């Protein structure tokens, strides 16, 4: 994209703010539960308008929590996965950088429990994952969601990054290496950007939809 520095900054900020909505739209479309057409550019703005409240805050999980409720109301089961040890190390890293703010996104998501993500069990045919990542930054925690699905042949994983709208094909080992990369190593390259896994993910599926609605009400 060409343009002046302010135009480029505004373009990037728009995509940061609509990141959750874009991932939500694609996930609903692939589950055939989307309420809006996906063949027109910018349709994620309609969902963003429904889940955004007030000023956008890059380190909060409010948008994701509302997106999960939105998906649950359309029959998508949303199951939180959380590695508390990894999140604790992320908190320590931020404090070491001089950031005194706590990880508020955990409160926004209803303080997810102690069931870490296990790719072999949580990402099977018919399911998807939302990885809650942190973009590379210093003394900040700008959150970013990546949508992960098994490839049609089942031999690889496809990661959709709303930043460029592309699908990246990676092996399970490559994704697992990113998820397990030590926090003190900092952000690592994944699907078009530098990200650090926060330890929080959401497993999406369409089985047992009523249970999903009950779970989302508690977020």
Foldseek 3Di string as FASTA:
>chain_A
DDDDPVVVVVLQVVLLLLQLLVLLQVVCVVVVQHPDDPPDPPPSVVVSVVQDDPDDDQLAQSSVLSSLLVVLVSQKAKAKAFAVVLLVVVQVQLVVLVQPDHSNNCVSNVNHDHHFDDCVPQADPQKKKWFWWAAADGSDGRTGIWIWHQDPVRQWIWIAGSSPRDTDTGGPVVVVCQQPPHPVVGFDDDDHGTIHGNRMMMMIHRPPSVVRNVSSVSD
